[in-house]
Amino acid sequence: MGRKILVRLLVSIFSLFVISLFSFALMQLAPGGPMAMYAENPKITAADKERIKAQMGLDKPIHIRYYLWITHMLRGDLGTSYTTGRPVTKEILSRLPATLKLMFTSFLISVGIAIPIGIYSATHRYSVTDQLVTLGSFFGISIPAFWFGLLMILVFALTLKILPAGGYSTPWFDPSAYPLIIRPIAILVEQLKYLAMPAVVLSLMNTASWSRYMRSSMLDVINQDYIRTARAKGVPEKQVINKHALRNAMTPIITIMGLDLPSFFAGAVITETIFAWPGMGRLFITSVTNRDYQVLMGIVMITAVLVLLGNFLADVLYSVLDPRVKYEG
């Protein structure tokens, strides 16, 4: 198995190289470019533009620029932002914790809701609850994330006034103002009230789809011969579902969760923009607007690493949950 994991890692590294090559080429071939911000400024002369272009390294051929970029990236240097002049690594690392916090919370919400709902729907097939869950799942898959986010802001922030409309924390929040014994609770409440709406919006579609997958997978498992044998031996129904059926039903769901990781990144771009969440998604939109290709390449590569890592872990967990499955590179 160790050799197979090594092969899988080498494939992931090659995938990163291909992603970097195509992403770099597409960004360089896009119309406009970083120099577009200076095009309509009458105070900047042609000589100034050439000087700025040389400082940015845009006067070199595209293959030379790619070679310089990837050699610096391998040393941990993602370049300098065209807009702010700060290192791209610092720009991204300042936003990455917020995005990971949002994604992790959304993932927990999706798993915590989808798995129990899928199990209940499968064990109570065609009941009223099952029909309502099916209707809610179709609603969750179909509804646009930006519309649902705006609706939550309208209801919970503007009408009920129980949650903030956006942001990361209250500017004047001071943890030291609370007694030491309740300070962790105060910090947790402060974070959760800003995290609640964007996390729910980001988890909506995955919760809906995963519950349907879980229901289908569980229905396939509970009709197997070994489940009927366990029931015939008098094993309690709860133990049959939780011990015998759930583990086998989870194996395809683990793979689906790994493959759905990109949807968290894609949804974070919209969700973070709506709720003014200071994460990588919002930085991505700002960088696209400013044509800051250095930052965009950094975000693309970090996102690709996280997605490939998620898929790699899903492959490994698949074989761990079901020993009958041989892990293949």
Protein backbone atom coordinates (compact mmCIF):
# COMPACT_ATOMS: atom_id res chain seq x y z
CA MET A 1 0.00 0.00 0.00
CA GLY A 2 2.93 2.33 0.66
CA ARG A 3 4.04 2.08 -2.98
CA LYS A 4 0.51 2.86 -4.16
CA ILE A 5 0.38 5.94 -1.95
CA LEU A 6 3.73 7.09 -3.33
CA VAL A 7 2.45 6.69 -6.90
CA ARG A 8 -0.68 8.65 -5.97
CA LEU A 9 1.48 11.44 -4.55
CA LEU A 10 3.56 11.57 -7.74
CA VAL A 11 0.38 11.77 -9.82
CA SER A 12 -0.83 14.64 -7.61
CA ILE A 13 2.47 16.49 -8.11
CA PHE A 14 2.20 16.06 -11.88
CA SER A 15 -1.41 17.31 -11.71
CA LEU A 16 -0.23 20.43 -9.89
CA PHE A 17 2.34 21.06 -12.62
CA VAL A 18 -0.31 20.76 -15.35
CA ILE A 19 -2.70 23.03 -13.42
CA SER A 20 0.02 25.64 -12.96
CA LEU A 21 0.97 25.52 -16.65
CA PHE A 22 -2.55 25.95 -17.99
CA SER A 23 -3.55 28.53 -15.37
CA PHE A 24 -0.48 30.65 -16.04
CA ALA A 25 -1.01 30.50 -19.80
CA LEU A 26 -4.70 31.43 -19.58
CA MET A 27 -4.02 34.39 -17.31
CA GLN A 28 -1.26 35.71 -19.55
CA LEU A 29 -3.44 35.35 -22.65
CA ALA A 30 -6.41 37.11 -21.07
CA PRO A 31 -7.15 40.58 -22.53
CA GLY A 32 -6.10 43.61 -20.53
CA GLY A 33 -3.56 42.39 -18.04
CA PRO A 34 -1.95 44.12 -15.06
CA MET A 35 -0.99 47.12 -17.23
CA ALA A 36 -4.67 47.88 -17.96
CA MET A 37 -4.95 49.93 -14.76
CA TYR A 38 -2.44 52.41 -16.22
CA ALA A 39 -3.95 52.61 -19.70
CA GLU A 40 -6.35 55.48 -19.03
CA ASN A 41 -4.13 57.46 -16.67
CA PRO A 42 -2.96 60.56 -18.59
CA LYS A 43 -0.22 61.26 -16.04
CA ILE A 44 1.66 58.07 -16.94
CA THR A 45 3.78 58.38 -20.05
CA ALA A 46 4.74 55.61 -22.45
CA ALA A 47 8.22 55.55 -20.90
CA ASP A 48 6.67 55.12 -17.44
CA LYS A 49 4.57 52.24 -18.72
CA GLU A 50 7.61 50.51 -20.16
CA ARG A 51 9.49 50.98 -16.90
CA ILE A 52 6.59 49.59 -14.85
CA LYS A 53 6.25 46.70 -17.28
CA ALA A 54 9.92 45.86 -16.84
CA GLN A 55 9.64 46.07 -13.05
CA MET A 56 6.75 43.60 -13.15
CA GLY A 57 8.70 41.30 -15.45
CA LEU A 58 6.02 41.55 -18.13
CA ASP A 59 8.53 42.49 -20.84
CA LYS A 60 9.86 38.92 -21.00
CA PRO A 61 8.42 36.10 -23.18
CA ILE A 62 5.69 34.02 -21.58
CA HIS A 63 7.79 30.86 -21.28
CA ILE A 64 10.53 32.80 -19.48
CA ARG A 65 7.97 34.33 -17.12
CA TYR A 66 6.56 30.88 -16.37
CA TYR A 67 10.03 29.45 -15.72
CA LEU A 68 10.88 32.29 -13.34
CA TRP A 69 7.51 31.98 -11.58
CA ILE A 70 7.63 28.21 -11.04
CA THR A 71 11.27 28.23 -9.87
CA HIS A 72 10.41 30.90 -7.30
CA MET A 73 7.25 28.99 -6.30
CA LEU A 74 9.25 25.84 -5.61
CA ARG A 75 11.27 27.90 -3.13
CA GLY A 76 8.08 29.10 -1.45
CA ASP A 77 8.04 32.52 -3.14
CA LEU A 78 4.76 33.20 -4.94
CA GLY A 79 5.84 36.63 -6.09
CA THR A 80 4.67 40.13 -5.22
CA SER A 81 1.15 41.52 -5.58
CA TYR A 82 0.84 43.98 -8.46
CA THR A 83 -1.77 45.95 -6.50
CA THR A 84 -0.49 46.16 -2.93
CA GLY A 85 3.22 45.46 -3.41
CA ARG A 86 3.10 42.90 -0.58
CA PRO A 87 4.37 39.31 -0.97
CA VAL A 88 1.62 37.07 -2.33
CA THR A 89 2.35 34.52 0.40
CA LYS A 90 1.51 37.07 3.10
CA GLU A 91 -1.60 38.20 1.24
CA ILE A 92 -2.93 34.65 1.05
CA LEU A 93 -1.86 33.49 4.51
CA SER A 94 -3.66 36.47 6.02
CA ARG A 95 -6.90 35.27 4.36
CA LEU A 96 -6.45 31.48 4.45
CA PRO A 97 -7.43 30.93 8.13
CA ALA A 98 -10.79 32.66 7.60
CA THR A 99 -11.57 30.52 4.55
CA LEU A 100 -10.52 27.29 6.26
CA LYS A 101 -12.65 28.17 9.28
CA LEU A 102 -15.65 28.78 7.03
CA MET A 103 -15.07 25.61 5.02
CA PHE A 104 -14.51 23.41 8.07
CA THR A 105 -17.67 24.70 9.75
CA SER A 106 -19.68 24.24 6.55
CA PHE A 107 -18.32 20.72 6.18
CA LEU A 108 -19.34 19.82 9.73
CA ILE A 109 -22.82 21.25 9.15
CA SER A 110 -23.18 19.27 5.91
CA VAL A 111 -22.03 16.00 7.47
CA GLY A 112 -23.96 16.54 10.72
CA ILE A 113 -27.23 17.10 8.87
CA ALA A 114 -26.91 15.04 5.68
CA ILE A 115 -25.79 11.72 7.19
CA PRO A 116 -28.55 11.40 9.87
CA ILE A 117 -31.20 12.64 7.44
CA GLY A 118 -30.09 10.19 4.77
CA ILE A 119 -30.12 7.29 7.23
CA TYR A 120 -33.57 8.21 8.55
CA SER A 121 -34.99 8.58 5.04
CA ALA A 122 -33.63 5.18 4.02
CA THR A 123 -34.99 3.41 7.11
CA HIS A 124 -38.38 5.19 6.80
CA ARG A 125 -38.75 4.97 3.04
CA TYR A 126 -41.83 6.63 1.52
CA SER A 127 -42.93 8.06 4.86
CA VAL A 128 -44.12 11.66 5.17
CA THR A 129 -40.75 12.65 6.61
CA ASP A 130 -38.96 10.99 3.70
CA GLN A 131 -41.11 12.91 1.23
CA LEU A 132 -40.44 16.20 3.02
CA VAL A 133 -36.69 15.48 3.11
CA THR A 134 -36.76 14.72 -0.62
CA LEU A 135 -38.57 17.99 -1.32
CA GLY A 136 -36.12 19.91 0.88
CA SER A 137 -33.15 18.27 -0.85
CA PHE A 138 -34.36 19.30 -4.28
CA PHE A 139 -34.95 22.81 -2.95
CA GLY A 140 -31.43 22.96 -1.50
CA ILE A 141 -29.82 21.73 -4.72
CA SER A 142 -31.79 24.15 -6.90
CA ILE A 143 -31.67 27.39 -4.92
CA PRO A 144 -28.88 29.84 -5.92
CA ALA A 145 -26.41 30.45 -3.11
CA PHE A 146 -26.34 34.23 -3.61
CA TRP A 147 -30.17 34.44 -3.41
CA PHE A 148 -30.28 32.31 -0.27
CA GLY A 149 -27.54 34.41 1.29
CA LEU A 150 -29.37 37.66 0.58
CA LEU A 151 -32.58 36.12 1.93
CA MET A 152 -30.83 35.17 5.19
CA ILE A 153 -29.46 38.69 5.53
CA LEU A 154 -32.95 40.11 4.98
CA VAL A 155 -34.53 37.81 7.57
CA PHE A 156 -31.94 37.39 10.31
CA ALA A 157 -29.99 40.65 10.04
CA LEU A 158 -32.43 43.29 8.82
CA THR A 159 -35.79 41.96 10.07
CA LEU A 160 -35.08 39.94 13.22
CA LYS A 161 -31.76 41.74 13.95
CA ILE A 162 -30.29 38.70 15.70
CA LEU A 163 -27.22 38.20 13.48
CA PRO A 164 -24.79 40.64 11.84
CA ALA A 165 -25.23 41.16 8.09
CA GLY A 166 -21.56 40.50 7.37
CA GLY A 167 -17.99 40.83 8.47
CA TYR A 168 -15.65 38.74 10.59
CA SER A 169 -15.98 40.22 14.09
CA THR A 170 -17.22 43.29 15.93
CA PRO A 171 -14.49 45.98 15.77
CA TRP A 172 -14.99 47.00 19.39
CA PHE A 173 -15.18 43.46 20.78
CA ASP A 174 -12.69 43.15 23.66
CA PRO A 175 -12.25 39.64 25.14
CA SER A 176 -10.38 41.08 28.14
CA ALA A 177 -13.59 42.85 29.23
CA TYR A 178 -15.07 39.47 30.22
CA PRO A 179 -14.14 37.48 33.34
CA LEU A 180 -11.52 34.84 32.64
CA ILE A 181 -13.90 31.96 33.37
CA ILE A 182 -16.40 32.97 30.66
CA ARG A 183 -13.96 34.56 28.21
CA PRO A 184 -13.70 31.46 25.95
CA ILE A 185 -17.50 31.30 25.75
CA ALA A 186 -17.70 35.00 24.85
CA ILE A 187 -15.10 34.55 22.09
CA LEU A 188 -16.92 31.48 20.75
CA VAL A 189 -20.28 33.28 20.67
CA GLU A 190 -18.69 36.27 18.95
CA GLN A 191 -17.23 34.07 16.24
CA LEU A 192 -20.32 31.95 15.77
CA LYS A 193 -22.68 34.88 15.24
CA TYR A 194 -20.59 36.06 12.29
CA LEU A 195 -19.93 32.53 11.04
CA ALA A 196 -23.49 31.19 11.22
CA MET A 197 -25.05 32.60 8.06
CA PRO A 198 -22.13 32.17 5.63
CA ALA A 199 -21.49 28.63 6.89
CA VAL A 200 -25.13 27.64 6.42
CA VAL A 201 -25.24 29.15 2.92
CA LEU A 202 -22.00 27.43 1.90
CA SER A 203 -23.19 24.07 3.23
CA LEU A 204 -26.68 24.20 1.68
CA MET A 205 -26.08 22.46 -1.64
CA ASN A 206 -23.72 19.81 -0.23
CA THR A 207 -26.12 19.03 2.62
CA ALA A 208 -28.94 18.52 0.14
CA SER A 209 -26.97 16.35 -2.30
CA TRP A 210 -25.13 14.31 0.35
CA SER A 211 -28.41 13.41 2.07
CA ARG A 212 -29.70 11.98 -1.22
CA TYR A 213 -26.49 10.03 -1.79
CA MET A 214 -26.61 8.74 1.80
CA ARG A 215 -30.21 7.61 1.39
CA SER A 216 -29.44 5.80 -1.86
CA SER A 217 -26.31 4.16 -0.46
CA MET A 218 -28.07 3.06 2.71
CA LEU A 219 -30.97 1.58 0.72
CA ASP A 220 -28.50 -0.52 -1.28
CA VAL A 221 -26.82 -1.80 1.88
CA ILE A 222 -29.88 -2.62 4.01
CA ASN A 223 -31.21 -4.90 1.27
CA GLN A 224 -28.06 -7.04 1.29
CA ASP A 225 -28.12 -10.65 2.50
CA TYR A 226 -25.83 -10.07 5.49
CA ILE A 227 -28.21 -7.40 6.84
CA ARG A 228 -31.16 -9.78 6.58
CA THR A 229 -29.05 -12.46 8.28
CA ALA A 230 -28.19 -10.12 11.14
CA ARG A 231 -31.88 -9.32 11.62
CA ALA A 232 -32.79 -12.99 11.48
CA LYS A 233 -30.29 -13.67 14.28
CA GLY A 234 -32.12 -11.19 16.48
CA VAL A 235 -29.57 -8.36 16.36
CA PRO A 236 -31.28 -5.13 17.51
CA GLU A 237 -32.28 -2.88 14.62
CA LYS A 238 -30.26 0.04 15.94
CA GLN A 239 -27.11 -2.09 16.01
CA VAL A 240 -27.85 -3.44 12.52
CA ILE A 241 -28.05 0.08 11.12
CA ASN A 242 -25.23 1.73 13.07
CA LYS A 243 -22.71 -1.11 13.12
CA HIS A 244 -23.34 -3.28 10.07
CA ALA A 245 -25.00 -1.04 7.49
CA LEU A 246 -23.58 2.43 8.15
CA ARG A 247 -19.91 1.57 7.70
CA ASN A 248 -20.46 -0.03 4.31
CA ALA A 249 -22.87 2.70 3.23
CA MET A 250 -20.31 5.40 4.07
CA THR A 251 -17.63 4.17 1.68
CA PRO A 252 -19.07 5.77 -1.49
CA ILE A 253 -20.07 8.89 0.48
CA ILE A 254 -16.45 9.43 1.53
CA THR A 255 -15.42 9.50 -2.12
CA ILE A 256 -18.23 11.90 -3.00
CA MET A 257 -17.21 14.22 -0.17
CA GLY A 258 -13.64 14.30 -1.45
CA LEU A 259 -14.79 15.03 -4.99
CA ASP A 260 -17.11 17.77 -3.74
CA LEU A 261 -14.34 19.71 -2.02
CA PRO A 262 -13.99 22.06 -5.03
CA SER A 263 -17.61 23.11 -4.51
CA PHE A 264 -16.66 24.53 -1.11
CA PHE A 265 -13.97 26.67 -2.74
CA ALA A 266 -16.26 27.74 -5.58
CA GLY A 267 -19.07 28.54 -3.16
CA ALA A 268 -16.71 30.45 -0.88
CA VAL A 269 -16.10 33.00 -3.65
CA ILE A 270 -19.81 33.90 -3.72
CA THR A 271 -20.48 33.45 -0.02
CA GLU A 272 -17.51 35.49 1.17
CA THR A 273 -18.43 38.31 -1.20
CA ILE A 274 -22.03 38.44 0.01
CA PHE A 275 -21.14 38.39 3.70
CA ALA A 276 -17.93 40.47 3.43
CA TRP A 277 -16.01 37.52 4.85
CA PRO A 278 -12.26 38.30 4.66
CA GLY A 279 -11.17 35.02 3.12
CA MET A 280 -9.54 33.77 -0.06
CA GLY A 281 -12.78 33.90 -2.03
CA ARG A 282 -13.13 37.63 -1.51
CA LEU A 283 -9.43 38.11 -2.24
CA PHE A 284 -9.93 36.17 -5.48
CA ILE A 285 -12.71 38.52 -6.62
CA THR A 286 -10.61 41.58 -5.75
CA SER A 287 -7.61 40.15 -7.62
CA VAL A 288 -9.71 39.40 -10.72
CA THR A 289 -11.03 42.97 -10.70
CA ASN A 290 -7.50 44.38 -10.37
CA ARG A 291 -5.99 41.80 -12.77
CA ASP A 292 -3.51 40.88 -10.07
CA TYR A 293 -2.31 37.67 -11.70
CA GLN A 294 0.37 36.97 -9.13
CA VAL A 295 -2.22 36.70 -6.36
CA LEU A 296 -4.57 34.76 -8.62
CA MET A 297 -1.89 32.17 -9.39
CA GLY A 298 -1.13 31.81 -5.69
CA ILE A 299 -4.81 31.25 -4.88
CA VAL A 300 -5.19 28.75 -7.73
CA MET A 301 -2.19 26.72 -6.59
CA ILE A 302 -3.16 26.65 -2.90
CA THR A 303 -6.72 25.73 -3.83
CA ALA A 304 -5.43 22.95 -6.11
CA VAL A 305 -3.23 21.60 -3.31
CA LEU A 306 -6.15 21.49 -0.88
CA VAL A 307 -8.47 19.85 -3.42
CA LEU A 308 -5.91 17.19 -4.39
CA LEU A 309 -5.18 16.57 -0.72
CA GLY A 310 -8.88 16.10 -0.03
CA ASN A 311 -9.23 13.60 -2.87
CA PHE A 312 -6.11 11.75 -1.75
CA LEU A 313 -7.43 11.42 1.82
CA ALA A 314 -10.80 10.28 0.47
CA ASP A 315 -9.10 7.50 -1.52
CA VAL A 316 -7.19 6.34 1.54
CA LEU A 317 -10.24 6.49 3.82
CA TYR A 318 -12.21 4.49 1.28
CA SER A 319 -9.89 1.53 1.70
CA VAL A 320 -9.73 1.99 5.48
CA LEU A 321 -13.53 1.91 5.87
CA ASP A 322 -13.90 -1.10 3.60
CA PRO A 323 -10.91 -3.51 3.78
CA ARG A 324 -12.32 -5.43 0.80
CA VAL A 325 -11.41 -2.46 -1.42
CA LYS A 326 -7.80 -2.59 -2.56
CA TYR A 327 -6.21 0.84 -2.77
CA GLU A 328 -5.02 1.48 -6.31
CA GLY A 329 -2.75 4.27 -7.46
